[in-house]
N, C-alpha and C. Protein backbone atom coordinates (compact mmCIF):
# COMPACT_ATOMS: atom_id res chain seq x y z
N MET A 1 -17.61 45.24 13.71
CA MET A 1 -18.23 43.81 13.94
C MET A 1 -18.31 43.25 12.66
N ALA A 2 -18.99 44.01 11.69
CA ALA A 2 -19.15 43.12 10.60
C ALA A 2 -18.04 42.57 9.80
N ASP A 3 -16.85 43.62 10.02
CA ASP A 3 -15.44 43.19 9.30
C ASP A 3 -15.05 42.08 9.94
N GLU A 4 -15.25 41.94 11.45
CA GLU A 4 -14.58 40.80 12.03
C GLU A 4 -15.27 39.44 11.81
N MET A 5 -16.52 39.61 11.66
CA MET A 5 -17.35 38.38 11.26
C MET A 5 -16.98 37.97 9.66
N SER A 6 -16.69 38.86 8.93
CA SER A 6 -16.47 38.63 7.66
C SER A 6 -14.92 38.01 7.42
N ALA A 7 -14.20 38.52 8.37
CA ALA A 7 -12.72 37.74 8.48
C ALA A 7 -12.75 36.40 9.06
N GLN A 8 -13.63 36.18 9.92
CA GLN A 8 -13.68 34.87 10.55
C GLN A 8 -14.47 34.02 9.45
N LEU A 9 -15.37 34.44 8.80
CA LEU A 9 -15.83 33.64 7.68
C LEU A 9 -15.03 33.40 6.62
N VAL A 10 -14.24 34.30 6.39
CA VAL A 10 -13.05 33.91 5.20
C VAL A 10 -12.08 32.89 5.81
N ASP A 11 -11.73 33.07 7.01
CA ASP A 11 -10.77 32.04 7.81
C ASP A 11 -11.32 30.76 7.81
N VAL A 12 -12.61 30.58 8.25
CA VAL A 12 -13.27 29.32 7.97
C VAL A 12 -13.44 28.81 6.76
N GLN A 13 -13.89 29.56 5.75
CA GLN A 13 -13.74 28.95 4.38
C GLN A 13 -12.38 28.49 3.96
N THR A 14 -11.40 29.37 4.20
CA THR A 14 -10.08 28.95 3.85
C THR A 14 -9.57 27.49 4.61
N GLN A 15 -10.00 27.32 5.90
CA GLN A 15 -9.65 26.27 6.45
C GLN A 15 -10.45 25.01 5.89
N LEU A 16 -11.69 25.28 5.49
CA LEU A 16 -12.44 24.21 4.91
C LEU A 16 -11.88 23.63 3.30
N ALA A 17 -11.59 24.76 2.74
CA ALA A 17 -10.99 24.50 1.48
C ALA A 17 -9.66 23.69 1.44
N PHE A 18 -8.65 24.15 2.60
CA PHE A 18 -7.55 23.19 2.89
C PHE A 18 -7.81 21.79 3.21
N GLN A 19 -8.85 21.72 4.16
CA GLN A 19 -9.06 20.35 4.53
C GLN A 19 -9.86 19.68 3.48
N GLU A 20 -10.46 20.18 2.55
CA GLU A 20 -11.02 19.38 1.38
C GLU A 20 -9.97 18.95 0.53
N ASP A 21 -9.05 19.82 0.34
CA ASP A 21 -7.96 19.35 -0.56
C ASP A 21 -6.99 18.22 0.18
N MET A 22 -6.91 18.34 1.38
CA MET A 22 -6.16 17.33 2.24
C MET A 22 -6.73 15.97 2.23
N LEU A 23 -8.18 15.99 2.36
CA LEU A 23 -8.90 14.78 2.21
C LEU A 23 -8.83 14.36 0.82
N THR A 24 -8.79 15.00 -0.23
CA THR A 24 -8.89 14.42 -1.72
C THR A 24 -7.58 13.76 -1.74
N ALA A 25 -6.39 14.49 -1.29
CA ALA A 25 -5.04 13.94 -1.42
C ALA A 25 -4.74 12.69 -0.74
N LEU A 26 -5.41 12.41 0.61
CA LEU A 26 -5.42 11.46 1.48
C LEU A 26 -6.25 10.30 0.76
N ASN A 27 -7.38 10.51 0.25
CA ASN A 27 -8.09 9.59 -0.50
C ASN A 27 -7.37 8.89 -1.79
N ASP A 28 -6.73 10.01 -2.38
CA ASP A 28 -6.01 9.44 -3.67
C ASP A 28 -4.84 8.54 -3.22
N ARG A 29 -4.11 8.85 -2.18
CA ARG A 29 -3.24 7.85 -1.65
C ARG A 29 -3.64 6.65 -1.18
N VAL A 30 -4.74 6.49 -0.54
CA VAL A 30 -5.30 5.25 0.02
C VAL A 30 -5.79 4.55 -1.26
N VAL A 31 -6.24 4.94 -2.28
CA VAL A 31 -6.67 4.34 -3.47
C VAL A 31 -5.38 3.78 -4.02
N ALA A 32 -4.31 4.43 -4.29
CA ALA A 32 -3.24 3.93 -4.88
C ALA A 32 -2.63 2.80 -4.07
N GLN A 33 -2.53 3.06 -2.73
CA GLN A 33 -2.13 1.96 -1.74
C GLN A 33 -2.81 0.75 -1.89
N ASP A 34 -4.14 0.86 -1.92
CA ASP A 34 -5.03 -0.40 -2.06
C ASP A 34 -4.76 -1.12 -3.28
N LEU A 35 -4.44 -0.22 -4.63
CA LEU A 35 -4.05 -1.05 -5.70
C LEU A 35 -2.68 -1.70 -5.72
N GLU A 36 -1.71 -1.20 -4.91
CA GLU A 36 -0.50 -1.70 -4.67
C GLU A 36 -0.55 -2.70 -4.03
N ILE A 37 -1.26 -2.81 -3.05
CA ILE A 37 -1.61 -4.17 -2.07
C ILE A 37 -2.10 -5.25 -2.76
N ARG A 38 -3.01 -4.91 -3.65
CA ARG A 38 -3.69 -5.94 -4.43
C ARG A 38 -2.66 -6.45 -5.44
N ASN A 39 -1.93 -5.84 -6.03
CA ASN A 39 -0.90 -6.16 -6.96
C ASN A 39 0.19 -7.06 -6.07
N LEU A 40 0.54 -6.55 -5.12
CA LEU A 40 1.47 -7.35 -4.21
C LEU A 40 0.81 -8.65 -3.81
N ARG A 41 -0.34 -8.73 -3.45
CA ARG A 41 -1.00 -9.94 -2.95
C ARG A 41 -1.02 -11.01 -4.23
N ARG A 42 -1.46 -10.40 -5.38
CA ARG A 42 -1.61 -11.36 -6.46
C ARG A 42 -0.09 -11.89 -6.70
N THR A 43 0.94 -11.02 -6.96
CA THR A 43 2.20 -11.63 -6.87
C THR A 43 2.74 -12.60 -6.05
N LEU A 44 2.22 -12.48 -4.74
CA LEU A 44 2.77 -13.34 -3.84
C LEU A 44 1.71 -14.62 -4.00
N GLU A 45 0.70 -14.56 -4.46
CA GLU A 45 -0.21 -15.68 -4.68
C GLU A 45 0.51 -16.54 -6.00
N LEU A 46 1.10 -15.84 -6.91
CA LEU A 46 1.52 -16.59 -8.12
C LEU A 46 2.90 -17.18 -7.69
N LEU A 47 3.64 -16.41 -6.99
CA LEU A 47 4.98 -16.93 -6.33
C LEU A 47 4.64 -18.35 -5.51
N HIS A 48 3.81 -18.23 -4.86
CA HIS A 48 3.27 -19.16 -3.78
C HIS A 48 2.99 -20.58 -4.72
N GLU A 49 2.24 -20.39 -5.52
CA GLU A 49 1.82 -21.34 -6.62
C GLU A 49 2.99 -22.06 -7.36
N GLU A 50 3.95 -21.05 -7.72
CA GLU A 50 5.02 -21.55 -8.65
C GLU A 50 6.03 -22.54 -7.50
N MET A 51 5.99 -21.93 -6.47
CA MET A 51 6.83 -22.75 -5.50
C MET A 51 6.18 -24.20 -5.27
N LYS A 52 4.86 -24.24 -5.13
CA LYS A 52 4.23 -25.42 -4.81
C LYS A 52 4.39 -26.33 -5.95
N GLN A 53 4.38 -25.74 -7.20
CA GLN A 53 4.52 -26.48 -8.45
C GLN A 53 5.97 -27.01 -8.54
N LYS A 54 6.99 -26.25 -8.26
CA LYS A 54 8.22 -26.81 -8.28
C LYS A 54 8.50 -27.97 -7.35
N ASN A 55 7.87 -27.68 -5.97
CA ASN A 55 8.27 -28.58 -4.92
C ASN A 55 7.37 -30.06 -5.22
N SER A 56 6.38 -29.88 -6.00
CA SER A 56 5.59 -31.09 -6.36
C SER A 56 6.45 -31.96 -7.41
N THR A 57 6.93 -31.28 -8.26
CA THR A 57 7.73 -31.79 -9.42
C THR A 57 9.31 -32.29 -9.11
N GLY A 58 9.80 -31.79 -7.89
CA GLY A 58 11.14 -31.94 -7.51
C GLY A 58 12.03 -31.32 -8.16
N GLU A 59 11.70 -30.27 -8.93
CA GLU A 59 12.84 -29.40 -9.53
C GLU A 59 13.66 -28.74 -8.57
N ASP A 60 13.28 -28.39 -7.38
CA ASP A 60 14.17 -27.70 -6.38
C ASP A 60 14.73 -28.99 -5.57
N ALA A 61 14.64 -30.12 -5.60
CA ALA A 61 15.06 -31.03 -4.67
C ALA A 61 16.47 -31.00 -4.43
N GLN A 62 17.28 -30.47 -5.26
CA GLN A 62 18.77 -30.30 -4.88
C GLN A 62 18.77 -29.08 -4.02
N LEU A 63 18.11 -28.08 -4.19
CA LEU A 63 18.37 -26.91 -3.20
C LEU A 63 18.01 -27.37 -1.95
N MET A 64 16.84 -28.05 -1.64
CA MET A 64 16.31 -28.36 -0.52
C MET A 64 17.43 -29.53 0.32
N ASP A 65 18.04 -30.27 -0.56
CA ASP A 65 19.01 -31.11 -0.12
C ASP A 65 20.35 -30.59 0.52
N MET A 66 20.65 -29.34 0.03
CA MET A 66 21.91 -28.53 0.30
C MET A 66 21.94 -28.46 1.74
N GLU A 67 23.12 -28.42 2.06
CA GLU A 67 23.71 -28.14 3.59
C GLU A 67 23.18 -26.55 3.75
N ARG A 68 22.73 -26.34 4.88
CA ARG A 68 22.63 -24.87 5.22
C ARG A 68 23.80 -24.20 5.56
N PRO A 69 23.92 -22.97 5.25
CA PRO A 69 25.24 -22.22 5.87
C PRO A 69 25.26 -22.10 7.22
N PRO A 70 26.54 -21.92 7.84
CA PRO A 70 26.61 -21.97 9.16
C PRO A 70 25.94 -21.08 9.99
N HIS A 71 25.47 -19.72 9.25
CA HIS A 71 24.86 -18.86 10.03
C HIS A 71 23.43 -19.09 10.23
N TYR A 72 22.72 -20.25 9.71
CA TYR A 72 21.66 -20.36 10.10
C TYR A 72 21.38 -21.20 11.24
């Protein structure tokens, strides 16, 4: 009986250790994805500002006036 309880305890401890490792790995991944999303948002903001500046100065007026390709 004691051996069975000991084996069950070891099994539960093993599962807990695995879950803790998995949780740490998932947390690390979420942190990395959050950083990547922040960087992508900042890049998008910068590109949006750049496009607004170009549109306001008329630098891309030639591109805007070009005929669209037939697949549009």
